[in-house]
């Protein structure tokens, strides 16, 4: 279902007529990026060979999804937390995030935000407390903004009831009255319905006085856009579509290398048998299990010869081409060479990544600053609704900071080698080296050394 076409067809586009052409272009771009992220692309089908023609599906490496998943993993990992100045707010914020499965849902949301150029987290009050709604960019239309942020937006949510599909269209906009929230219910074809048909308790229009910001936070990639709406970002692979196409072409060629290069045996016509199928058509085959001696009438030994016509597979050439293209994709998206490589020799430990001040480290730090800023706004909105519902005292603070966990882990082999080198150089004791290598406390390392000496 195309949520944006339904939103554009409503009175929303009439209020923002100047915005509509740019919004339509943005919707087109997001639709294309979503298709590429899901393994599609305009290059997804190629012409078949032969007289009958037709098309076949090109094999996909899935590089776009892999890229976005890697960026999400680098920027947000388990252990990242939001904390506040006072204990009451910290405890309440942690409870709300845990109740909404934030740690599990946010990395998935972040991955899709990298793919589509952004995403929205909407904060609202429900019967069971403050809730978070993770909304992808294809279900969001900004309606009011300036250089400091968004002050209005529309969301589309798909609802299925009794086998029929509906769209709940919600708009939020900051006005002189306060924050105005409006809800509309539409059929799949765009016909307006009364909210009471599905949501008897939902209000058509609500005004929350005193709010100067909407109850949603937009997460952008920070990437500049070429022709989109000014406030929205672009997909991290927006300018890399040619590289993604080349990767799929090479990967498809590698796949077909095994299909077309399968082992083929050339046998003389005398060795081919035939049987008629149920339709009366003659089907010929070579019985590889036939061990009966046959007498053939021929004087030419070459005619009786069975030949192996297997072709050499160009696996190495394809692998090298894929590796070069992956390095090119890394360069285009701000990652270090080898970040997306499938060769283990290019992996780097966390210490090496930071000490080299690599492109990957700098890019991750950039995105983390953007994420920290928006997550602090999410926490602020959670606290505002907590105070409005009475779950949080009026004196509680509304600001929060983000403490990121390091998403790049150092491998055990590198830790062992470094500890051995430091011990050999006399920079650390044997006890400290054992502690580093085995990951045990110093007292246990001392006991281990004593056992070695006793032996």
Protein backbone atom coordinates (compact mmCIF):
# COMPACT_ATOMS: atom_id res chain seq x y z
CA UNK A 1 0.00 0.00 0.00
CA UNK A 2 1.33 3.44 -0.97
CA UNK A 3 0.77 5.50 2.17
CA UNK A 4 2.17 8.70 0.67
CA UNK A 5 -0.20 8.72 -2.29
CA UNK A 6 -3.10 8.59 0.17
CA UNK A 7 -1.61 11.36 2.27
CA UNK A 8 -0.93 13.52 -0.80
CA UNK A 9 -4.51 13.03 -1.93
CA UNK A 10 -5.89 14.46 1.30
CA UNK A 11 -6.24 18.07 2.35
CA UNK A 12 -2.58 17.85 3.43
CA UNK A 13 -1.38 18.60 -0.08
CA UNK A 14 -3.80 21.51 -0.37
CA UNK A 15 -2.28 23.13 2.73
CA UNK A 16 1.24 22.62 1.38
CA UNK A 17 0.80 23.05 -2.36
CA UNK A 18 4.33 24.41 -2.83
CA UNK A 19 5.72 21.37 -1.08
CA UNK A 20 3.85 18.71 -3.07
CA UNK A 21 6.11 18.47 -6.20
CA UNK A 22 9.22 18.09 -4.06
CA UNK A 23 7.41 15.64 -1.80
CA UNK A 24 6.32 13.57 -4.78
CA UNK A 25 9.95 13.38 -5.97
CA UNK A 26 11.04 12.43 -2.47
CA UNK A 27 8.42 9.65 -2.38
CA UNK A 28 9.75 8.35 -5.70
CA UNK A 29 13.33 8.32 -4.41
CA UNK A 30 12.37 6.55 -1.19
CA UNK A 31 10.40 3.92 -3.12
CA UNK A 32 13.47 3.24 -5.29
CA UNK A 33 15.82 3.04 -2.28
CA UNK A 34 13.44 0.67 -0.49
CA UNK A 35 13.37 -1.56 -3.56
CA UNK A 36 17.19 -1.64 -3.71
CA UNK A 37 17.42 -2.30 0.04
CA UNK A 38 15.06 -5.27 -0.38
CA UNK A 39 17.24 -6.74 -3.14
CA UNK A 40 15.60 -5.02 -6.12
CA UNK A 41 16.74 -2.28 -8.45
CA UNK A 42 16.04 -1.33 -12.04
CA UNK A 43 18.78 -3.77 -13.08
CA UNK A 44 17.13 -6.72 -11.33
CA UNK A 45 15.98 -8.43 -14.55
CA UNK A 46 18.07 -9.34 -17.60
CA UNK A 47 17.11 -10.72 -21.00
CA UNK A 48 17.25 -14.46 -21.43
CA UNK A 49 19.12 -16.05 -24.29
CA UNK A 50 17.53 -18.20 -26.96
CA UNK A 51 14.75 -17.72 -29.47
CA UNK A 52 11.93 -17.51 -26.94
CA UNK A 53 13.44 -14.48 -25.23
CA UNK A 54 11.89 -13.31 -21.97
CA UNK A 55 13.67 -12.16 -18.84
CA UNK A 56 15.34 -13.78 -15.85
CA UNK A 57 16.03 -12.45 -12.35
CA UNK A 58 19.61 -11.32 -11.77
CA UNK A 59 21.19 -12.80 -8.62
CA UNK A 60 21.69 -10.17 -5.91
CA UNK A 61 24.63 -9.84 -3.54
CA UNK A 62 22.48 -7.78 -1.14
CA UNK A 63 25.25 -5.20 -0.70
CA UNK A 64 22.82 -2.33 0.09
CA UNK A 65 21.27 -4.16 3.05
CA UNK A 66 24.70 -5.36 4.23
CA UNK A 67 26.01 -1.77 4.14
CA UNK A 68 23.09 -0.40 6.18
CA UNK A 69 23.27 -3.28 8.67
CA UNK A 70 27.01 -2.68 9.17
CA UNK A 71 26.49 1.05 9.76
CA UNK A 72 23.71 0.30 12.26
CA UNK A 73 25.96 -2.16 14.10
CA UNK A 74 28.83 0.34 14.23
CA UNK A 75 26.64 3.16 15.53
CA UNK A 76 24.41 1.41 18.05
CA UNK A 77 25.10 -1.79 19.96
CA UNK A 78 23.72 -3.53 23.00
CA UNK A 79 24.90 -1.74 26.11
CA UNK A 80 24.25 1.77 24.79
CA UNK A 81 22.13 3.60 27.35
CA UNK A 82 20.36 6.87 28.09
CA UNK A 83 20.96 8.41 31.51
CA UNK A 84 19.69 11.52 33.30
CA UNK A 85 20.93 13.80 36.07
CA UNK A 86 18.40 12.54 38.63
CA UNK A 87 17.61 8.96 39.57
CA UNK A 88 13.83 9.25 39.23
CA UNK A 89 13.99 10.28 35.58
CA UNK A 90 16.68 7.69 34.77
CA UNK A 91 14.60 4.88 36.29
CA UNK A 92 11.42 6.02 34.52
CA UNK A 93 13.19 6.40 31.17
CA UNK A 94 14.74 2.95 31.47
CA UNK A 95 11.34 1.42 32.25
CA UNK A 96 9.68 3.05 29.22
CA UNK A 97 12.49 1.98 26.89
CA UNK A 98 12.46 -1.58 28.22
CA UNK A 99 8.66 -1.80 27.95
CA UNK A 100 8.91 -0.77 24.29
CA UNK A 101 11.75 -3.16 23.44
CA UNK A 102 13.94 -0.22 22.47
CA UNK A 103 17.27 -2.12 22.50
CA UNK A 104 15.93 -4.71 20.05
CA UNK A 105 13.84 -2.45 17.82
CA UNK A 106 16.09 0.59 17.44
CA UNK A 107 18.96 -1.13 15.53
CA UNK A 108 16.44 -2.42 12.96
CA UNK A 109 14.89 1.04 12.71
CA UNK A 110 18.35 2.59 12.32
CA UNK A 111 19.26 0.18 9.53
CA UNK A 112 16.16 1.16 7.55
CA UNK A 113 16.78 4.85 8.29
CA UNK A 114 20.24 4.55 6.68
CA UNK A 115 18.60 2.90 3.66
CA UNK A 116 15.73 5.37 3.20
CA UNK A 117 17.45 8.57 4.29
CA UNK A 118 15.71 8.84 7.64
CA UNK A 119 12.93 7.66 9.91
CA UNK A 120 10.67 8.88 12.71
CA UNK A 121 10.09 7.84 16.31
CA UNK A 122 6.66 8.97 17.48
CA UNK A 123 5.99 9.19 21.21
CA UNK A 124 2.42 8.88 22.43
CA UNK A 125 0.42 7.96 25.52
CA UNK A 126 -1.38 4.64 25.59
CA UNK A 127 -3.52 2.75 28.06
CA UNK A 128 -0.41 0.94 29.31
CA UNK A 129 1.87 3.99 29.53
CA UNK A 130 4.12 5.92 27.18
CA UNK A 131 4.67 4.13 23.89
CA UNK A 132 7.21 4.49 21.06
CA UNK A 133 6.22 3.99 17.44
CA UNK A 134 9.08 3.39 14.98
CA UNK A 135 8.03 4.77 11.58
CA UNK A 136 9.96 4.27 8.35
CA UNK A 137 10.51 7.16 5.94
CA UNK A 138 8.04 5.80 3.38
CA UNK A 139 5.19 6.35 5.89
CA UNK A 140 6.07 9.93 6.85
CA UNK A 141 5.51 13.32 5.18
CA UNK A 142 6.92 16.52 6.78
CA UNK A 143 4.54 19.48 6.63
CA UNK A 144 6.17 22.27 8.64
CA UNK A 145 9.85 22.91 9.38
CA UNK A 146 12.64 25.43 9.59
CA UNK A 147 16.40 25.31 10.09
CA UNK A 148 15.97 24.20 13.70
CA UNK A 149 13.80 21.17 13.03
CA UNK A 150 10.33 19.87 12.25
CA UNK A 151 7.12 21.43 13.58
CA UNK A 152 4.63 19.29 11.69
CA UNK A 153 4.28 15.96 9.96
CA UNK A 154 1.85 13.29 8.76
CA UNK A 155 2.02 9.54 9.34
CA UNK A 156 0.30 6.60 7.69
CA UNK A 157 -0.41 3.32 9.51
CA UNK A 158 -1.86 0.25 7.80
CA UNK A 159 -4.66 -1.52 9.65
CA UNK A 160 -6.40 -4.77 8.70
CA UNK A 161 -9.87 -5.44 10.10
CA UNK A 162 -12.19 -8.27 8.99
CA UNK A 163 -10.06 -8.90 5.93
CA UNK A 164 -10.18 -5.27 4.78
CA UNK A 165 -7.26 -2.80 4.71
CA UNK A 166 -7.48 0.71 6.15
CA UNK A 167 -5.08 3.60 6.64
CA UNK A 168 -4.99 5.69 9.80
CA UNK A 169 -3.57 9.08 8.79
CA UNK A 170 -2.34 11.23 11.67
CA UNK A 171 -1.02 14.79 11.45
CA UNK A 172 0.83 16.76 14.13
CA UNK A 173 1.49 20.48 13.84
CA UNK A 174 2.67 23.14 16.29
CA UNK A 175 0.40 26.22 16.18
CA UNK A 176 -0.33 29.20 18.42
CA UNK A 177 -2.88 27.02 20.23
CA UNK A 178 -0.24 24.42 21.03
CA UNK A 179 0.31 21.01 19.45
CA UNK A 180 -2.64 20.08 17.24
CA UNK A 181 -3.10 16.35 16.54
CA UNK A 182 -5.64 15.24 13.95
CA UNK A 183 -6.62 11.70 12.96
CA UNK A 184 -8.40 10.49 9.84
CA UNK A 185 -9.44 7.01 8.78
CA UNK A 186 -9.44 6.03 5.12
CA UNK A 187 -10.11 2.93 3.09
CA UNK A 188 -7.40 1.45 0.89
CA UNK A 189 -8.84 3.40 -2.04
CA UNK A 190 -8.69 6.70 -0.10
CA UNK A 191 -12.39 7.01 0.88
CA UNK A 192 -12.83 8.88 4.19
CA UNK A 193 -14.50 7.02 7.09
CA UNK A 194 -15.58 7.96 10.58
CA UNK A 195 -13.00 7.16 13.25
CA UNK A 196 -15.68 5.58 15.42
CA UNK A 197 -16.00 2.70 12.94
CA UNK A 198 -12.68 1.26 14.14
CA UNK A 199 -11.56 3.51 17.01
CA UNK A 200 -14.52 4.56 19.17
CA UNK A 201 -12.27 6.21 21.81
CA UNK A 202 -10.01 8.11 19.42
CA UNK A 203 -10.54 11.85 18.98
CA UNK A 204 -10.57 13.44 15.57
CA UNK A 205 -8.79 16.57 16.82
CA UNK A 206 -6.75 17.09 20.00
CA UNK A 207 -4.94 20.22 21.17
CA UNK A 208 -2.13 19.95 23.74
CA UNK A 209 -1.40 23.43 25.05
CA UNK A 210 2.07 24.57 26.05
CA UNK A 211 4.02 22.33 23.64
CA UNK A 212 6.36 24.09 21.22
CA UNK A 213 7.63 20.90 19.54
CA UNK A 214 5.80 17.90 18.07
CA UNK A 215 5.77 14.53 19.81
CA UNK A 216 7.91 12.90 17.13
CA UNK A 217 11.63 12.94 16.37
CA UNK A 218 13.06 12.67 12.87
CA UNK A 219 16.28 10.68 12.45
CA UNK A 220 18.17 11.78 9.34
CA UNK A 221 21.35 10.30 7.90
CA UNK A 222 23.04 13.71 7.71
CA UNK A 223 23.74 13.04 4.03
CA UNK A 224 23.13 15.98 1.71
CA UNK A 225 20.35 15.48 -0.79
CA UNK A 226 20.51 16.46 -4.42
CA UNK A 227 16.91 17.19 -5.30
CA UNK A 228 14.76 16.27 -2.34
CA UNK A 229 12.74 18.25 0.17
CA UNK A 230 15.15 20.46 2.11
CA UNK A 231 14.69 18.91 5.57
CA UNK A 232 15.04 15.29 4.53
CA UNK A 233 18.22 13.28 4.17
CA UNK A 234 19.26 10.85 1.45
CA UNK A 235 20.00 7.16 1.56
CA UNK A 236 23.60 6.32 2.38
CA UNK A 237 23.78 4.55 -0.99
CA UNK A 238 21.96 7.28 -2.95
CA UNK A 239 25.08 8.08 -4.99
CA UNK A 240 26.32 4.48 -5.15
CA UNK A 241 23.59 2.85 -7.22
CA UNK A 242 25.97 2.25 -10.15
CA UNK A 243 28.37 0.43 -7.82
CA UNK A 244 25.54 -1.68 -6.37
CA UNK A 245 24.48 -2.53 -9.93
CA UNK A 246 28.04 -3.55 -10.84
CA UNK A 247 28.26 -5.75 -7.72
CA UNK A 248 25.08 -7.58 -8.67
CA UNK A 249 26.23 -8.02 -12.27
CA UNK A 250 29.52 -9.58 -11.14
CA UNK A 251 27.80 -11.74 -8.52
CA UNK A 252 25.24 -12.89 -11.09
CA UNK A 253 28.08 -13.73 -13.47
CA UNK A 254 29.78 -15.75 -10.72
CA UNK A 255 26.56 -17.63 -10.03
CA UNK A 256 26.03 -18.40 -13.72
CA UNK A 257 29.67 -19.46 -13.99
CA UNK A 258 28.76 -22.55 -11.98
CA UNK A 259 25.48 -23.07 -13.86
CA UNK A 260 26.94 -22.75 -17.36
CA UNK A 261 30.29 -24.29 -16.44
CA UNK A 262 28.89 -27.56 -15.09
CA UNK A 263 30.70 -30.75 -16.07
CA UNK A 264 29.66 -31.95 -19.53
CA UNK A 265 30.41 -35.32 -21.09
CA UNK A 266 30.42 -35.77 -24.88
CA UNK A 267 29.42 -39.32 -25.88
CA UNK A 268 29.02 -40.96 -29.29
CA UNK A 269 25.51 -41.26 -30.69
CA UNK A 270 25.76 -45.06 -30.43
CA UNK A 271 25.84 -44.77 -26.61
CA UNK A 272 22.67 -42.68 -26.39
CA UNK A 273 19.45 -44.55 -25.70
CA UNK A 274 15.92 -43.37 -26.25
CA UNK A 275 12.53 -43.85 -24.63
CA UNK A 276 9.10 -42.47 -25.40
CA UNK A 277 7.36 -40.48 -22.68
CA UNK A 278 3.63 -40.45 -21.91
CA UNK A 279 3.09 -37.82 -24.63
CA UNK A 280 4.74 -39.95 -27.28
CA UNK A 281 7.87 -37.77 -27.53
CA UNK A 282 11.25 -39.48 -27.83
CA UNK A 283 13.59 -38.60 -24.95
CA UNK A 284 17.25 -39.49 -25.30
CA UNK A 285 19.63 -40.11 -22.42
CA UNK A 286 23.02 -41.62 -21.58
CA UNK A 287 22.87 -44.32 -18.89
CA UNK A 288 25.90 -43.79 -16.65
CA UNK A 289 25.11 -47.03 -14.76
CA UNK A 290 25.09 -49.23 -17.86
CA UNK A 291 27.82 -51.89 -17.45
CA UNK A 292 26.73 -54.20 -20.31
CA UNK A 293 29.18 -54.66 -23.18
CA UNK A 294 27.81 -53.49 -26.50
CA UNK A 295 29.12 -54.09 -30.04
CA UNK A 296 29.11 -51.04 -32.30
CA UNK A 297 29.66 -51.11 -36.05
CA UNK A 298 32.45 -48.60 -36.63
CA UNK A 299 36.12 -48.61 -37.55
CA UNK A 300 36.89 -45.09 -36.24
CA UNK A 301 38.14 -45.19 -32.64
CA UNK A 302 37.42 -41.46 -32.17
CA UNK A 303 33.73 -42.08 -32.76
CA UNK A 304 33.64 -44.36 -29.70
CA UNK A 305 35.57 -41.95 -27.50
CA UNK A 306 33.84 -40.34 -24.45
CA UNK A 307 35.18 -36.77 -23.96
CA UNK A 308 35.18 -34.57 -20.86
CA UNK A 309 34.26 -31.03 -22.00
CA UNK A 310 34.37 -29.35 -18.57
CA UNK A 311 35.23 -25.63 -18.67
CA UNK A 312 37.54 -23.88 -16.19
CA UNK A 313 35.67 -21.78 -13.62
CA UNK A 314 36.82 -18.14 -13.26
CA UNK A 315 36.19 -17.96 -9.51
CA UNK A 316 39.35 -16.03 -8.63
CA UNK A 317 38.68 -13.29 -11.20
CA UNK A 318 35.13 -12.84 -9.96
CA UNK A 319 36.20 -12.78 -6.30
CA UNK A 320 38.82 -10.11 -6.99
CA UNK A 321 36.30 -8.01 -8.92
CA UNK A 322 33.78 -8.25 -6.07
CA UNK A 323 36.45 -7.26 -3.55
CA UNK A 324 37.46 -4.19 -5.58
CA UNK A 325 33.85 -3.09 -5.98
CA UNK A 326 33.19 -3.55 -2.25
CA UNK A 327 36.21 -1.35 -1.50
CA UNK A 328 34.81 1.24 -3.90
CA UNK A 329 31.43 1.08 -2.11
CA UNK A 330 33.23 1.60 1.22
CA UNK A 331 35.03 4.65 -0.15
CA UNK A 332 31.78 6.14 -1.45
CA UNK A 333 29.99 5.68 1.89
CA UNK A 334 32.72 6.88 4.24
CA UNK A 335 34.06 3.49 5.35
CA UNK A 336 37.63 2.26 5.39
CA UNK A 337 38.94 -0.07 2.73
CA UNK A 338 38.11 -3.67 3.61
CA UNK A 339 35.21 -2.90 5.96
CA UNK A 340 32.82 -4.91 3.77
CA UNK A 341 35.44 -7.32 2.43
CA UNK A 342 34.86 -11.07 2.71
CA UNK A 343 38.62 -11.68 3.12
CA UNK A 344 39.65 -12.19 6.74
CA UNK A 345 43.07 -10.64 6.17
CA UNK A 346 41.61 -7.13 6.06
CA UNK A 347 39.92 -7.21 9.49
CA UNK A 348 41.06 -4.66 12.07
CA UNK A 349 40.83 -4.67 15.85
CA UNK A 350 39.10 -1.85 17.73
CA UNK A 351 42.44 -0.43 18.87
CA UNK A 352 43.76 -0.38 15.31
CA UNK A 353 40.59 1.23 13.97
CA UNK A 354 40.79 4.08 16.49
CA UNK A 355 44.57 4.53 16.37
CA UNK A 356 44.53 4.79 12.59
CA UNK A 357 41.76 7.41 12.85
CA UNK A 358 40.17 5.47 10.01
CA UNK A 359 37.33 6.60 7.81
CA UNK A 360 35.09 3.99 9.45
CA UNK A 361 35.79 5.38 12.93
CA UNK A 362 35.23 8.98 11.87
CA UNK A 363 32.00 8.12 10.02
CA UNK A 364 30.68 6.16 13.01
CA UNK A 365 31.47 9.08 15.32
CA UNK A 366 29.61 11.49 13.01
CA UNK A 367 26.49 9.32 12.96
CA UNK A 368 26.69 8.77 16.72
CA UNK A 369 26.61 12.50 17.37
CA UNK A 370 23.45 12.78 15.25
CA UNK A 371 21.89 9.77 16.98
CA UNK A 372 22.74 11.12 20.45
CA UNK A 373 21.10 14.45 19.67
CA UNK A 374 17.87 12.85 18.44
CA UNK A 375 17.72 10.26 21.23
CA UNK A 376 17.96 13.05 23.80
CA UNK A 377 14.88 14.59 22.16
CA UNK A 378 13.10 11.23 22.37
CA UNK A 379 13.90 11.14 26.09
CA UNK A 380 12.61 14.70 26.47
CA UNK A 381 9.27 13.81 24.88
CA UNK A 382 8.98 10.67 27.02
CA UNK A 383 9.51 12.78 30.14
CA UNK A 384 6.95 15.39 28.99
CA UNK A 385 4.27 12.72 28.56
CA UNK A 386 5.35 11.12 31.84
CA UNK A 387 4.69 14.39 33.65
CA UNK A 388 1.37 14.89 31.86
CA UNK A 389 0.20 11.41 32.90
CA UNK A 390 1.41 11.83 36.49
CA UNK A 391 3.91 8.96 36.25
CA UNK A 392 6.77 11.43 36.66
CA UNK A 393 6.92 14.28 39.16
CA UNK A 394 6.78 17.85 37.85
CA UNK A 395 10.24 18.59 39.27
CA UNK A 396 11.95 15.77 37.35
CA UNK A 397 14.45 16.79 34.70
CA UNK A 398 13.64 16.33 31.01
CA UNK A 399 17.15 16.09 29.57
CA UNK A 400 19.16 12.94 28.96
CA UNK A 401 22.57 12.03 27.57
CA UNK A 402 23.63 8.96 25.61
CA UNK A 403 26.49 6.67 26.57
CA UNK A 404 27.49 4.52 23.59
CA UNK A 405 28.89 1.03 23.94
CA UNK A 406 31.80 0.23 21.62
CA UNK A 407 30.49 -1.81 18.71
CA UNK A 408 33.92 -2.93 17.43
CA UNK A 409 35.28 -5.82 19.47
CA UNK A 410 38.93 -6.74 19.62
CA UNK A 411 39.64 -10.34 18.63
CA UNK A 412 41.28 -12.73 21.09
CA UNK A 413 44.28 -13.42 18.88
CA UNK A 414 45.27 -9.74 18.77
CA UNK A 415 44.94 -9.42 22.58
CA UNK A 416 47.15 -12.49 23.11
CA UNK A 417 49.85 -11.28 20.72
CA UNK A 418 49.91 -7.80 22.26
CA UNK A 419 50.23 -9.20 25.81
CA UNK A 420 53.08 -11.48 24.71
CA UNK A 421 54.91 -8.60 23.03
CA UNK A 422 54.55 -6.33 26.08
CA UNK A 423 55.82 -9.11 28.39
CA UNK A 424 58.78 -9.88 26.11
CA UNK A 425 59.66 -6.18 26.10
CA UNK A 426 59.58 -6.11 29.90
CA UNK A 427 56.73 -3.58 30.00
CA UNK A 428 54.33 -5.81 31.98
CA UNK A 429 54.77 -8.70 34.40
CA UNK A 430 53.97 -12.32 33.65
CA UNK A 431 50.96 -12.11 35.96
CA UNK A 432 49.56 -9.13 34.06
CA UNK A 433 50.17 -10.91 30.74
CA UNK A 434 48.28 -13.99 31.94
CA UNK A 435 45.45 -11.78 33.15
CA UNK A 436 45.19 -10.08 29.74
CA UNK A 437 45.44 -13.30 27.73
CA UNK A 438 42.89 -15.33 29.70
CA UNK A 439 40.68 -12.43 30.82
CA UNK A 440 40.96 -13.33 34.52
CA UNK A 441 41.58 -11.21 37.67
CA UNK A 442 45.15 -10.63 38.84
CA UNK A 443 44.78 -12.88 41.90
CA UNK A 444 43.77 -15.81 39.70
CA UNK A 445 46.68 -15.03 37.36
CA UNK A 446 49.06 -15.10 40.38
CA UNK A 447 47.68 -18.52 41.38
CA UNK A 448 48.19 -19.77 37.82
CA UNK A 449 51.80 -18.55 37.83
CA UNK A 450 52.43 -20.24 41.20
CA UNK A 451 51.11 -23.55 39.88
CA UNK A 452 53.42 -23.27 36.88
CA UNK A 453 56.42 -22.59 39.11
CA UNK A 454 55.54 -25.49 41.41
CA UNK A 455 55.36 -27.83 38.45
